[in-house]
Amino acid sequence: MKSSAAITAALLLLLSSRAGAEIAPAAPSAADLAHFDQAAADHADDPDLAWAAAMAHLRAGDPSAADRLAAFQARWPGLRPDGDFELGMALAAAGRDAEALAAFDRALALDPGSAPAELHRALVLRRLGRSDEADAALQRAAALAPELTPETLLLRGISHLRSGDKEGATRLLHTAIELQPTGEAATRARALLPEPIVAPAGRWFSLMARSGIEYDSNVTLDSGLPIVGQGQDRADGSSVFGAGVVLRPLRSERFDLSLGYRFDGSLHLNLTDYDLLNHLAYLSMLWRTTSRIALRFDGVYDRSMLGGSNYGESYLARPNFFYSWGERGVTRVYADIAHQSYFQAPALSSLDRDGNEYGLGVEHSFAVPRWRAALLTVGTRTSRFDSEANRDVLGFEGAYDFMRYEGNLALRAPMFWNMWGTAAVSLANEHYDNRNVIDFLTDNGHGDPSPSPRRDWIAEAAISVVRPVTRRIDAEFAWHYTHRDSNVDAYAYDRNVVGLYFTVHSD
């Protein structure tokens, strides 16, 4: 990847809309060019002299520099790692945009992590009238050089203004200001806005609706034991649906407040007792204390119905701390405090699942080197759940008091055909405190007179591919797999969920 100075030069070039301009020493004089040309002619087999002569003509603004660099690349292909990038610069300066785009594409094929190549490619795409592709290239450049995100947002805002999308431009310009209020990009963004800002303009609310179809291989989370399961009647198809609204009553350069509500449901073809209706409400407050540090508090209330009856509800409070390391990514440290309760009384007092959970986690997200716009997140979390269960008539203590240790990995990256893909894996281990009454009753279908404390391993994998159908409609294909292995047979199961979904959104 090129240096930050080179990236900044490319940004200045884009801002000025001059394809051949770059921060460089004074242009060579005619005498200097003649000297370079003579030296290259006297040593025709010396690639270093040929390169120096071509670059001298490029710095001098000579339109012939493009042909000189093209001839160099043809004679010594692959000799200069930056050859295609410099050729693209020369072709763009000469107004040969289609050829320049091909050169930048070749440069990115050799070095997918080149933010300058993405930036110059975005300028060429914009001049060719391919605004959507230019916008996507700027987003990839920001992912490759996160410290320059405000500048790329500014450039995207300018493009949206030129295309007549004032609402989209305003949103991008305000975001550039919020990320770095005292920076040069913020100053330029303020000058482009129609009036001085106190809080970001644009919509203070957003709406969404979702529908789709799913196949679930194990709706009932059945282990397959005849004594506790439903045997073959555990797979089913369903229709899923949902809608939501987000309100943003307070938005400023330092503080954001969001309020949201979402409703989701599923209707099964056969297992109607497992039809789900879910209501979720949340509050989120974000405070940007410095350019590198942000604090956020999330509060969530969740209530669900299963088979037409009240099933459970939960409350969650989560403080978050974010720290930006610049090009090295962003670290988040968070804590969870949650309470969950179920409306149906348990068969035994030791099986009461009401209780409180306390968790602590950390994750780090960073751009993947040499992979355009790919973002990798690595995290770990530890949590404790204490139930409200009491000793039952058989002498067993609470079955759901446990410690959980987990690690996770997620990758989000652009794909072909304007699609975005997300892949995630996680592995968790749960250590339960007490001997389990379910094991006592059902071990291997017969029961265990002296059961051991429960130990579970949970492996999960998920893949999602999203593609815009129109500006406000997205199509998504998703797969989620869960494998739970437990020394208490009744809790072990495998599950595959595959779905196709369509989301309509106002943003």
Protein backbone atom coordinates (compact mmCIF):
# COMPACT_ATOMS: atom_id res chain seq x y z
CA MET A 1 0.00 0.00 0.00
CA LYS A 2 1.30 3.48 -0.82
CA SER A 3 2.10 5.99 1.90
CA SER A 4 -0.34 8.40 3.49
CA ALA A 5 1.35 11.25 1.65
CA ALA A 6 0.56 9.61 -1.67
CA ILE A 7 -3.03 9.03 -0.60
CA THR A 8 -3.37 12.66 0.46
CA ALA A 9 -1.98 13.75 -2.90
CA ALA A 10 -4.59 11.65 -4.64
CA LEU A 11 -7.35 13.19 -2.52
CA LEU A 12 -6.19 16.70 -3.35
CA LEU A 13 -6.20 15.73 -6.99
CA LEU A 14 -9.77 14.49 -6.74
CA LEU A 15 -10.91 17.59 -4.89
CA SER A 16 -9.44 19.85 -7.54
CA SER A 17 -10.82 17.63 -10.36
CA ARG A 18 -7.51 17.84 -12.20
CA ALA A 19 -6.62 14.32 -13.29
CA GLY A 20 -2.90 14.91 -13.76
CA ALA A 21 -2.14 17.09 -10.74
CA GLU A 22 -0.12 15.68 -7.86
CA ILE A 23 2.10 16.99 -5.12
CA ALA A 24 5.57 16.76 -6.60
CA PRO A 25 8.79 18.74 -7.11
CA ALA A 26 8.89 21.54 -9.68
CA ALA A 27 8.26 20.35 -13.23
CA PRO A 28 11.41 19.63 -15.30
CA SER A 29 12.48 22.28 -17.78
CA ALA A 30 12.79 21.71 -21.53
CA ALA A 31 16.56 21.31 -21.05
CA ASP A 32 15.99 18.70 -18.37
CA LEU A 33 13.63 16.76 -20.64
CA ALA A 34 16.14 16.85 -23.46
CA HIS A 35 18.81 15.55 -21.10
CA PHE A 36 16.59 12.66 -19.98
CA ASP A 37 15.64 11.82 -23.57
CA GLN A 38 19.25 11.77 -24.73
CA ALA A 39 20.37 9.57 -21.85
CA ALA A 40 17.50 7.13 -22.52
CA ALA A 41 18.35 7.05 -26.24
CA ASP A 42 22.09 6.46 -25.58
CA HIS A 43 21.23 3.51 -23.29
CA ALA A 44 18.16 2.07 -24.96
CA ASP A 45 18.36 -1.17 -22.99
CA ASP A 46 18.43 0.52 -19.58
CA PRO A 47 14.91 0.35 -18.06
CA ASP A 48 15.79 2.74 -15.23
CA LEU A 49 16.70 5.54 -17.65
CA ALA A 50 13.63 4.86 -19.78
CA TRP A 51 11.44 5.05 -16.68
CA ALA A 52 13.10 8.25 -15.45
CA ALA A 53 12.58 9.89 -18.85
CA ALA A 54 8.90 8.91 -18.97
CA MET A 55 8.29 10.16 -15.42
CA ALA A 56 10.04 13.45 -16.21
CA HIS A 57 7.63 14.01 -19.09
CA LEU A 58 4.72 13.10 -16.80
CA ARG A 59 5.80 15.67 -14.19
CA ALA A 60 6.17 18.25 -16.94
CA GLY A 61 2.58 17.68 -18.03
CA ASP A 62 3.59 16.38 -21.45
CA PRO A 63 0.73 14.42 -23.09
CA SER A 64 3.30 12.10 -24.66
CA ALA A 65 4.10 10.72 -21.19
CA ALA A 66 1.17 8.30 -21.47
CA ASP A 67 2.55 6.70 -24.64
CA ARG A 68 6.05 6.60 -23.16
CA LEU A 69 4.80 4.77 -20.07
CA ALA A 70 2.67 2.42 -22.18
CA ALA A 71 5.75 1.59 -24.27
CA PHE A 72 7.74 0.98 -21.08
CA GLN A 73 5.07 -1.39 -19.71
CA ALA A 74 4.96 -3.25 -23.02
CA ARG A 75 8.73 -3.71 -23.15
CA TRP A 76 9.34 -4.43 -19.45
CA PRO A 77 6.04 -5.83 -18.13
CA GLY A 78 5.96 -6.31 -14.36
CA LEU A 79 9.35 -4.65 -13.79
CA ARG A 80 7.85 -1.65 -11.97
CA PRO A 81 5.19 -2.57 -9.35
CA ASP A 82 3.72 0.94 -9.73
CA GLY A 83 3.89 0.93 -13.53
CA ASP A 84 0.17 0.52 -14.19
CA PHE A 85 -0.71 3.08 -11.52
CA GLU A 86 1.59 5.72 -13.07
CA LEU A 87 0.32 4.80 -16.54
CA GLY A 88 -3.23 5.32 -15.33
CA MET A 89 -2.24 8.74 -13.98
CA ALA A 90 -0.71 9.71 -17.33
CA LEU A 91 -3.67 8.45 -19.35
CA ALA A 92 -6.10 10.30 -17.08
CA ALA A 93 -4.05 13.49 -17.46
CA ALA A 94 -4.27 13.09 -21.24
CA GLY A 95 -8.07 12.67 -21.04
CA ARG A 96 -7.95 9.03 -22.14
CA ASP A 97 -10.28 7.89 -19.39
CA ALA A 98 -11.28 4.46 -20.71
CA GLU A 99 -7.62 3.46 -21.06
CA ALA A 100 -6.85 4.98 -17.64
CA LEU A 101 -9.61 2.92 -16.03
CA ALA A 102 -8.14 -0.27 -17.50
CA ALA A 103 -4.69 0.69 -16.15
CA PHE A 104 -6.03 1.34 -12.65
CA ASP A 105 -7.89 -1.98 -12.75
CA ARG A 106 -4.61 -3.74 -13.58
CA ALA A 107 -2.86 -1.85 -10.76
CA LEU A 108 -5.52 -2.99 -8.29
CA ALA A 109 -5.30 -6.56 -9.51
CA LEU A 110 -1.60 -6.49 -8.56
CA ASP A 111 -2.09 -4.52 -5.34
CA PRO A 112 -5.71 -4.71 -4.07
CA GLY A 113 -4.68 -2.65 -1.03
CA SER A 114 -3.77 0.48 -3.01
CA ALA A 115 -5.97 3.32 -1.76
CA PRO A 116 -4.49 5.85 -4.27
CA ALA A 117 -5.40 3.57 -7.16
CA GLU A 118 -8.97 3.31 -5.84
CA LEU A 119 -9.18 7.09 -5.45
CA HIS A 120 -7.92 7.87 -8.96
CA ARG A 121 -10.13 5.12 -10.35
CA ALA A 122 -13.10 6.82 -8.65
CA LEU A 123 -12.28 10.12 -10.40
CA VAL A 124 -12.09 8.42 -13.78
CA LEU A 125 -15.38 6.60 -13.18
CA ARG A 126 -17.02 9.88 -12.23
CA ARG A 127 -15.80 11.54 -15.43
CA LEU A 128 -17.13 8.58 -17.41
CA GLY A 129 -20.55 9.16 -15.84
CA ARG A 130 -20.48 5.94 -13.80
CA SER A 131 -21.41 7.63 -10.53
CA ASP A 132 -22.53 4.54 -8.58
CA GLU A 133 -19.27 2.73 -9.32
CA ALA A 134 -17.29 5.85 -8.38
CA ASP A 135 -19.13 6.02 -5.07
CA ALA A 136 -18.36 2.33 -4.36
CA ALA A 137 -14.66 2.91 -5.22
CA LEU A 138 -14.50 5.77 -2.72
CA GLN A 139 -16.03 3.54 -0.04
CA ARG A 140 -13.37 0.90 -0.71
CA ALA A 141 -10.65 3.56 -0.53
CA ALA A 142 -11.96 4.62 2.88
CA ALA A 143 -11.85 1.02 4.09
CA LEU A 144 -8.23 0.73 2.89
CA ALA A 145 -7.21 4.00 4.56
CA PRO A 146 -9.62 4.53 7.50
CA GLU A 147 -7.85 7.71 8.65
CA LEU A 148 -8.99 9.37 5.42
CA THR A 149 -12.66 8.45 5.75
CA PRO A 150 -13.75 12.11 6.24
CA GLU A 151 -12.06 13.08 2.95
CA THR A 152 -13.68 10.25 1.00
CA LEU A 153 -17.08 11.14 2.49
CA LEU A 154 -16.50 14.71 1.31
CA LEU A 155 -15.70 13.51 -2.20
CA ARG A 156 -18.79 11.31 -2.25
CA GLY A 157 -20.87 14.25 -1.06
CA ILE A 158 -19.54 16.38 -3.92
CA SER A 159 -20.45 13.65 -6.41
CA HIS A 160 -23.97 13.39 -5.01
CA LEU A 161 -24.37 17.18 -5.24
CA ARG A 162 -23.33 17.11 -8.89
CA SER A 163 -25.80 14.32 -9.63
CA GLY A 164 -28.64 16.29 -8.00
CA ASP A 165 -28.99 14.08 -4.90
CA LYS A 166 -29.02 16.89 -2.35
CA GLU A 167 -30.41 14.74 0.45
CA GLY A 168 -27.73 12.06 0.03
CA ALA A 169 -25.02 14.70 -0.30
CA THR A 170 -26.14 16.44 2.88
CA ARG A 171 -26.03 13.18 4.82
CA LEU A 172 -22.51 12.38 3.61
CA LEU A 173 -21.20 15.90 4.26
CA HIS A 174 -22.62 15.92 7.78
CA THR A 175 -21.02 12.54 8.48
CA ALA A 176 -17.65 13.90 7.30
CA ILE A 177 -18.05 16.79 9.74
CA GLU A 178 -19.04 14.51 12.61
CA LEU A 179 -16.02 12.22 12.17
CA GLN A 180 -13.44 15.01 12.30
CA PRO A 181 -15.05 18.37 13.17
CA THR A 182 -11.80 20.40 13.04
CA GLY A 183 -10.29 18.82 9.93
CA GLU A 184 -9.87 20.21 6.43
CA ALA A 185 -12.60 17.92 5.09
CA ALA A 186 -15.06 19.30 7.66
CA THR A 187 -14.19 22.87 6.66
CA ARG A 188 -14.83 22.12 2.99
CA ALA A 189 -18.03 20.21 3.83
CA ARG A 190 -19.42 23.16 5.80
CA ALA A 191 -18.73 25.46 2.86
CA LEU A 192 -20.76 23.18 0.58
CA LEU A 193 -23.79 23.01 2.86
CA PRO A 194 -26.55 25.56 2.24
CA GLU A 195 -26.46 26.92 5.80
CA PRO A 196 -24.34 26.58 8.96
CA ILE A 197 -25.17 23.45 10.92
CA VAL A 198 -25.90 22.80 14.55
CA ALA A 199 -27.02 19.23 13.99
CA PRO A 200 -26.92 17.07 10.88
CA ALA A 201 -29.76 17.64 8.46
CA GLY A 202 -31.51 15.02 6.42
CA ARG A 203 -34.03 12.55 7.66
CA TRP A 204 -34.42 12.29 11.42
CA PHE A 205 -36.14 8.94 10.96
CA SER A 206 -35.89 5.83 8.80
CA LEU A 207 -38.31 3.00 8.02
CA MET A 208 -37.86 -0.59 6.90
CA ALA A 209 -39.96 -3.63 6.07
CA ARG A 210 -38.79 -7.20 5.49
CA SER A 211 -40.26 -10.43 4.18
CA GLY A 212 -38.98 -13.79 3.03
CA ILE A 213 -39.09 -17.54 3.24
CA GLU A 214 -37.05 -19.91 5.42
CA TYR A 215 -36.34 -23.59 5.81
CA ASP A 216 -35.41 -24.70 9.34
CA SER A 217 -34.07 -28.24 9.80
CA ASN A 218 -34.77 -28.26 13.55
CA VAL A 219 -37.50 -25.84 14.59
CA THR A 220 -37.95 -27.52 17.97
CA LEU A 221 -34.20 -27.73 18.83
CA ASP A 222 -34.83 -31.45 19.25
CA SER A 223 -31.94 -33.73 20.21
CA GLY A 224 -33.68 -36.73 18.66
CA LEU A 225 -34.27 -38.58 21.95
CA PRO A 226 -37.70 -40.26 21.77
CA ILE A 227 -38.48 -39.44 25.38
CA VAL A 228 -38.17 -35.69 25.00
CA GLY A 229 -38.28 -34.88 21.30
CA GLN A 230 -40.82 -34.76 18.52
CA GLY A 231 -38.86 -37.11 16.30
CA GLN A 232 -39.33 -36.58 12.59
CA ASP A 233 -41.64 -33.56 13.04
CA ARG A 234 -38.92 -31.03 13.67
CA ALA A 235 -38.11 -29.61 10.18
CA ASP A 236 -40.42 -27.07 8.58
CA GLY A 237 -40.67 -24.13 6.22
CA SER A 238 -41.99 -20.74 7.17
CA SER A 239 -42.73 -17.27 5.92
CA VAL A 240 -40.99 -14.46 7.80
CA PHE A 241 -41.86 -10.79 7.98
CA GLY A 242 -40.93 -7.68 9.89
CA ALA A 243 -40.98 -3.88 10.03
CA GLY A 244 -39.13 -1.22 11.96
CA VAL A 245 -38.61 2.46 12.55
CA VAL A 246 -35.60 4.40 13.86
CA LEU A 247 -35.89 7.96 15.25
CA ARG A 248 -32.90 10.28 15.64
CA PRO A 249 -34.20 13.28 17.61
CA LEU A 250 -30.73 14.52 18.62
CA ARG A 251 -27.77 14.58 16.23
CA SER A 252 -24.68 16.75 16.51
CA GLU A 253 -20.97 16.60 15.84
CA ARG A 254 -20.38 15.05 19.26
CA PHE A 255 -23.61 13.40 20.37
CA ASP A 256 -26.24 11.16 18.78
CA LEU A 257 -29.46 9.78 20.25
CA SER A 258 -31.41 7.03 18.47
CA LEU A 259 -34.69 5.36 19.39
CA GLY A 260 -35.96 2.32 17.55
CA TYR A 261 -38.70 -0.28 17.37
CA ARG A 262 -38.82 -3.48 15.35
CA PHE A 263 -41.45 -6.18 14.90
CA ASP A 264 -40.59 -9.62 13.49
CA GLY A 265 -42.61 -12.75 12.96
CA SER A 266 -42.64 -16.18 11.36
CA LEU A 267 -45.52 -18.44 10.33
CA HIS A 268 -44.74 -22.14 9.91
CA LEU A 269 -46.36 -24.48 7.42
CA ASN A 270 -46.89 -27.34 9.87
CA LEU A 271 -45.38 -26.61 13.30
CA THR A 272 -47.74 -23.75 14.10
CA ASP A 273 -47.05 -24.08 17.83
CA TYR A 274 -43.68 -22.50 17.02
CA ASP A 275 -45.03 -19.48 15.15
CA LEU A 276 -43.06 -16.53 16.52
CA LEU A 277 -43.96 -12.88 17.08
CA ASN A 278 -41.29 -10.62 18.51
CA HIS A 279 -41.27 -6.98 19.61
CA LEU A 280 -37.98 -5.16 20.21
CA ALA A 281 -37.42 -1.57 21.35
CA TYR A 282 -34.07 0.08 21.90
CA LEU A 283 -32.32 3.30 22.86
CA SER A 284 -28.76 4.17 21.85
CA MET A 285 -26.68 7.20 22.91
CA LEU A 286 -23.30 7.91 21.30
CA TRP A 287 -20.79 10.47 22.56
CA ARG A 288 -17.62 11.22 20.59
CA THR A 289 -15.23 12.46 23.25
CA THR A 290 -12.20 12.89 20.94
CA SER A 291 -11.30 12.08 17.33
CA ARG A 292 -10.21 8.61 18.48
CA ILE A 293 -12.51 7.81 21.41
CA ALA A 294 -16.27 7.29 21.49
CA LEU A 295 -18.65 6.06 24.18
CA ARG A 296 -22.04 4.46 23.50
CA PHE A 297 -24.82 3.18 25.72
CA ASP A 298 -27.40 0.70 24.38
CA GLY A 299 -30.62 -0.27 26.11
CA VAL A 300 -32.86 -3.01 24.68
CA TYR A 301 -36.26 -4.45 25.60
CA ASP A 302 -37.40 -7.65 23.88
CA ARG A 303 -40.74 -9.48 24.19
CA SER A 304 -41.82 -12.57 22.26
CA MET A 305 -44.87 -14.77 21.70
CA LEU A 306 -44.68 -18.43 20.65
CA GLY A 307 -47.64 -20.26 19.17
CA GLY A 308 -49.94 -17.35 20.01
CA SER A 309 -49.02 -17.28 23.74
CA ASN A 310 -46.69 -15.02 25.69
CA TYR A 311 -43.29 -16.69 25.82
CA GLY A 312 -40.61 -14.46 27.33
CA GLU A 313 -39.11 -11.03 27.73
CA SER A 314 -35.68 -9.57 28.41
CA TYR A 315 -33.96 -6.32 29.32
CA LEU A 316 -30.39 -5.43 28.34
CA ALA A 317 -28.07 -2.57 29.25
CA ARG A 318 -24.74 -2.38 27.39
CA PRO A 319 -22.06 0.33 27.78
CA ASN A 320 -19.48 0.40 24.94
CA PHE A 321 -16.04 2.00 24.63
CA PHE A 322 -14.50 2.53 21.15
CA TYR A 323 -10.91 3.43 20.35
CA SER A 324 -9.61 4.10 16.84
CA TRP A 325 -6.04 3.05 16.02
CA GLY A 326 -6.10 4.75 12.62
CA GLU A 327 -4.99 2.36 9.89
CA ARG A 328 -4.82 -0.45 12.45
CA GLY A 329 -8.59 -0.47 13.00
CA VAL A 330 -11.03 0.10 15.85
CA THR A 331 -11.28 -1.70 19.19
CA ARG A 332 -14.54 -2.01 21.12
CA VAL A 333 -14.79 -3.02 24.78
CA TYR A 334 -18.28 -3.61 26.16
CA ALA A 335 -20.17 -4.96 29.16
CA ASP A 336 -23.60 -6.63 29.31
CA ILE A 337 -26.12 -6.56 32.13
CA ALA A 338 -29.34 -8.41 31.24
CA HIS A 339 -32.43 -9.93 32.83
CA GLN A 340 -34.61 -12.54 31.18
CA SER A 341 -37.91 -14.07 32.26
CA TYR A 342 -40.37 -16.60 30.86
CA PHE A 343 -44.13 -16.54 31.29
CA GLN A 344 -44.68 -20.30 31.53
CA ALA A 345 -43.94 -21.89 34.92
CA PRO A 346 -41.30 -24.67 34.82
CA ALA A 347 -42.18 -28.31 35.54
CA LEU A 348 -39.60 -28.37 38.37
CA SER A 349 -38.23 -25.47 40.40
CA SER A 350 -34.66 -26.42 39.37
CA LEU A 351 -35.62 -25.79 35.71
CA ASP A 352 -36.54 -22.12 36.25
CA ARG A 353 -34.78 -20.16 33.47
CA ASP A 354 -35.55 -16.68 34.79
CA GLY A 355 -32.39 -14.89 35.84
CA ASN A 356 -29.65 -12.34 35.26
CA GLU A 357 -26.66 -12.38 32.91
CA TYR A 358 -23.43 -10.40 33.22
CA GLY A 359 -20.92 -10.29 30.38
CA LEU A 360 -17.70 -8.62 29.29
CA GLY A 361 -16.36 -8.62 25.74
CA VAL A 362 -13.78 -7.09 23.42
CA GLU A 363 -13.52 -7.05 19.64
CA HIS A 364 -11.22 -5.48 17.07
CA SER A 365 -12.16 -4.57 13.49
CA PHE A 366 -9.66 -3.75 10.76
CA ALA A 367 -9.34 -3.59 7.00
CA VAL A 368 -7.80 -6.71 5.47
CA PRO A 369 -4.47 -5.86 3.77
CA ARG A 370 -4.48 -6.26 0.00
CA TRP A 371 -8.22 -6.98 -0.11
CA ARG A 372 -10.32 -4.06 -1.23
CA ALA A 373 -12.89 -2.90 1.34
CA ALA A 374 -12.84 -6.19 3.29
CA LEU A 375 -13.36 -5.76 7.03
CA LEU A 376 -12.35 -8.44 9.54
CA THR A 377 -13.63 -8.52 13.14
CA VAL A 378 -12.13 -10.71 15.86
CA GLY A 379 -13.73 -10.89 19.29
CA THR A 380 -14.08 -12.74 22.56
CA ARG A 381 -16.64 -12.61 25.37
CA THR A 382 -17.11 -14.08 28.84
CA SER A 383 -20.47 -14.14 30.61
CA ARG A 384 -22.16 -15.45 33.74
CA PHE A 385 -25.82 -16.44 34.10
CA ASP A 386 -27.45 -16.79 37.53
CA SER A 387 -30.96 -18.21 37.50
CA GLU A 388 -33.72 -17.77 40.06
CA ALA A 389 -34.12 -21.55 40.36
CA ASN A 390 -34.45 -23.37 43.68
CA ARG A 391 -33.75 -26.93 44.81
CA ASP A 392 -36.46 -29.23 43.43
CA VAL A 393 -38.24 -32.17 45.08
CA LEU A 394 -35.62 -34.58 43.67
CA GLY A 395 -32.80 -32.66 45.37
CA PHE A 396 -31.35 -30.96 42.26
CA GLU A 397 -30.23 -27.31 42.23
CA GLY A 398 -30.74 -24.88 39.35
CA ALA A 399 -30.05 -26.39 35.93
CA TYR A 400 -29.18 -23.12 34.16
CA ASP A 401 -26.49 -21.44 36.28
CA PHE A 402 -23.38 -21.36 34.10
CA MET A 403 -20.25 -19.61 32.85
CA ARG A 404 -19.82 -19.10 29.09
CA TYR A 405 -16.57 -18.48 27.17
CA GLU A 406 -16.71 -17.68 23.48
CA GLY A 407 -14.65 -16.46 20.55
CA ASN A 408 -15.86 -15.21 17.19
CA LEU A 409 -14.59 -14.17 13.79
CA ALA A 410 -16.47 -12.24 11.09
CA LEU A 411 -15.54 -11.04 7.61
CA ARG A 412 -17.46 -8.55 5.47
CA ALA A 413 -16.30 -7.97 1.92
CA PRO A 414 -17.50 -6.85 -1.52
CA MET A 415 -18.18 -9.51 -4.12
CA PHE A 416 -18.90 -9.57 -7.83
CA TRP A 417 -22.14 -8.21 -9.35
CA ASN A 418 -22.45 -5.42 -6.76
CA MET A 419 -22.97 -7.92 -3.91
CA TRP A 420 -21.68 -7.79 -0.35
CA GLY A 421 -20.93 -10.95 1.59
CA THR A 422 -20.60 -11.62 5.32
CA ALA A 423 -19.20 -14.80 6.84
CA ALA A 424 -18.99 -15.48 10.58
CA VAL A 425 -17.92 -18.34 12.83
CA SER A 426 -17.97 -18.71 16.60
CA LEU A 427 -17.09 -21.30 19.22
CA ALA A 428 -18.35 -21.27 22.79
CA ASN A 429 -18.06 -23.42 25.89
CA GLU A 430 -20.61 -23.45 28.71
CA HIS A 431 -19.77 -24.78 32.19
CA TYR A 432 -22.87 -25.40 34.31
CA ASP A 433 -22.62 -25.30 38.09
CA ASN A 434 -24.91 -28.13 39.18
CA ARG A 435 -25.82 -31.70 38.37
CA ASN A 436 -28.69 -31.70 35.89
CA VAL A 437 -32.11 -33.18 36.59
CA ILE A 438 -32.74 -33.68 32.86
CA ASP A 439 -29.64 -35.88 32.67
CA PHE A 440 -30.92 -37.82 35.67
CA LEU A 441 -34.20 -38.48 33.85
CA THR A 442 -33.18 -38.89 30.19
CA ASP A 443 -29.52 -39.87 29.77
CA ASN A 444 -29.38 -42.03 26.61
CA GLY A 445 -33.13 -42.31 26.91
CA HIS A 446 -32.86 -44.23 30.21
CA GLY A 447 -31.56 -41.84 32.83
CA ASP A 448 -28.39 -41.53 34.89
CA PRO A 449 -28.62 -42.07 38.66
CA SER A 450 -25.48 -39.98 39.29
CA PRO A 451 -25.33 -37.28 36.57
CA SER A 452 -22.35 -35.00 36.06
CA PRO A 453 -22.58 -31.21 35.75
CA ARG A 454 -23.53 -30.21 32.24
CA ARG A 455 -20.80 -29.21 29.73
CA ASP A 456 -21.70 -27.84 26.28
CA TRP A 457 -19.68 -26.89 23.20
CA ILE A 458 -21.48 -24.69 20.68
CA ALA A 459 -20.14 -24.11 17.17
CA GLU A 460 -21.90 -21.72 14.81
CA ALA A 461 -21.33 -20.59 11.23
CA ALA A 462 -23.26 -18.10 9.13
CA ILE A 463 -23.09 -16.73 5.59
CA SER A 464 -25.07 -13.81 4.17
CA VAL A 465 -25.00 -12.37 0.65
CA VAL A 466 -26.82 -9.08 -0.01
CA ARG A 467 -27.42 -7.39 -3.34
CA PRO A 468 -29.37 -4.17 -4.02
CA VAL A 469 -32.32 -4.73 -6.34
CA THR A 470 -33.12 -1.03 -6.50
CA ARG A 471 -31.93 1.95 -4.50
CA ARG A 472 -34.33 1.09 -1.67
CA ILE A 473 -34.76 -2.68 -1.99
CA ASP A 474 -32.17 -5.31 -1.06
CA ALA A 475 -32.25 -9.05 -1.62
CA GLU A 476 -30.45 -11.35 0.84
CA PHE A 477 -29.62 -15.03 0.87
CA ALA A 478 -28.55 -16.35 4.29
CA TRP A 479 -27.52 -19.62 5.92
CA HIS A 480 -26.97 -20.24 9.63
CA TYR A 481 -25.71 -23.50 11.14
CA THR A 482 -25.57 -24.44 14.84
CA HIS A 483 -24.04 -27.54 16.37
CA ARG A 484 -24.45 -28.01 20.12
CA ASP A 485 -22.62 -30.90 21.72
CA SER A 486 -23.55 -31.65 25.32
CA ASN A 487 -22.87 -34.40 27.83
CA VAL A 488 -26.59 -34.10 28.66
CA ASP A 489 -28.10 -35.77 25.62
CA ALA A 490 -31.37 -33.85 25.68
CA TYR A 491 -29.60 -30.54 25.00
CA ALA A 492 -27.49 -31.66 22.01
CA TYR A 493 -28.77 -30.79 18.54
CA ASP A 494 -27.86 -29.64 15.02
CA ARG A 495 -29.73 -26.95 13.13
CA ASN A 496 -29.60 -25.42 9.65
CA VAL A 497 -31.62 -22.35 8.71
CA VAL A 498 -31.65 -21.21 5.07
CA GLY A 499 -33.60 -18.19 3.89
CA LEU A 500 -34.24 -15.72 1.09
CA TYR A 501 -35.30 -12.24 2.21
CA PHE A 502 -36.23 -8.89 0.70
CA THR A 503 -35.83 -5.62 2.62
CA VAL A 504 -37.36 -2.28 1.71
CA HIS A 505 -35.78 0.73 3.43
CA SER A 506 -36.18 4.49 3.33
CA ASP A 507 -32.45 5.35 3.46
